[in-house]
């Protein structure tokens, strides 16, 4: 099976999905898993840190692609409505279709994509779609990734309802750590390299308030900014906020 028809120029080595994301194939029977080890290969795309167009430059019409699977790295999607904006974190395991925006919405909005770090994506092109349709369990797993992303976004928006900004940040950090954190002897490493302004968009607050909240959390020992701009989270007896107030104005990014 050739998964590289109508794909991108192969500047990045192809992705062997069985090795990079074995969880996708857990629902397949043994025969299908053996086949997946050999054939589940997809073209790869690497996005350098900074703004990203979200387009597949070498593909005229990507509508027949299943999507892009994040293999490693982190993307930030920001939706702007009027003068308000809200951001979403997209990380390893998420499935996205960045060429699709909600252009038919009656509420005018715009969306931008940014790579918070070097990010590698698997291009689930038409050839991969034809192959994967043979295995309903695999298609179900991919659909589950899309649902997981929507649930993660719903939780992130719920976090913005917490009254205290320091609690919002702490809850967001631990939520993201569950998805992409790495456990160390001294805590959990969260590779979230974003500015205070972007963090403010993630928690629905103003940048100066976020800066003050980060300083408070650092003094309490709950978080520590490392020299490489990542965060070290220190487990506490409780990280859950209990002081929940009225919901501030939030903006839900389009799917």
Foldseek 3Di string as FASTA:
>chain_A
DDQPVLAADQPDPKDLCCVQPVVLCPPPDPVVSVVSNPPVIFRKDKDAFFWDPLDRVSHPDQPLWPFKAWRAFKKKKWKDQDPAIAIAIDGHGAGDRSVDAPPVDPGDMDMTMGTLHITMIGTRGNVNVVVCVVPVSSVVSNVVRHVVRVVLLVVLLVLLQADQPLLSLLVNQVSQCVPDWDDDPQAIKAARQDDLCNVCSSNVHHSVSSVVSVVVCVVVVQWDQDPVRIIGGGDDPDSHGDRGDGRDDHDRGDD
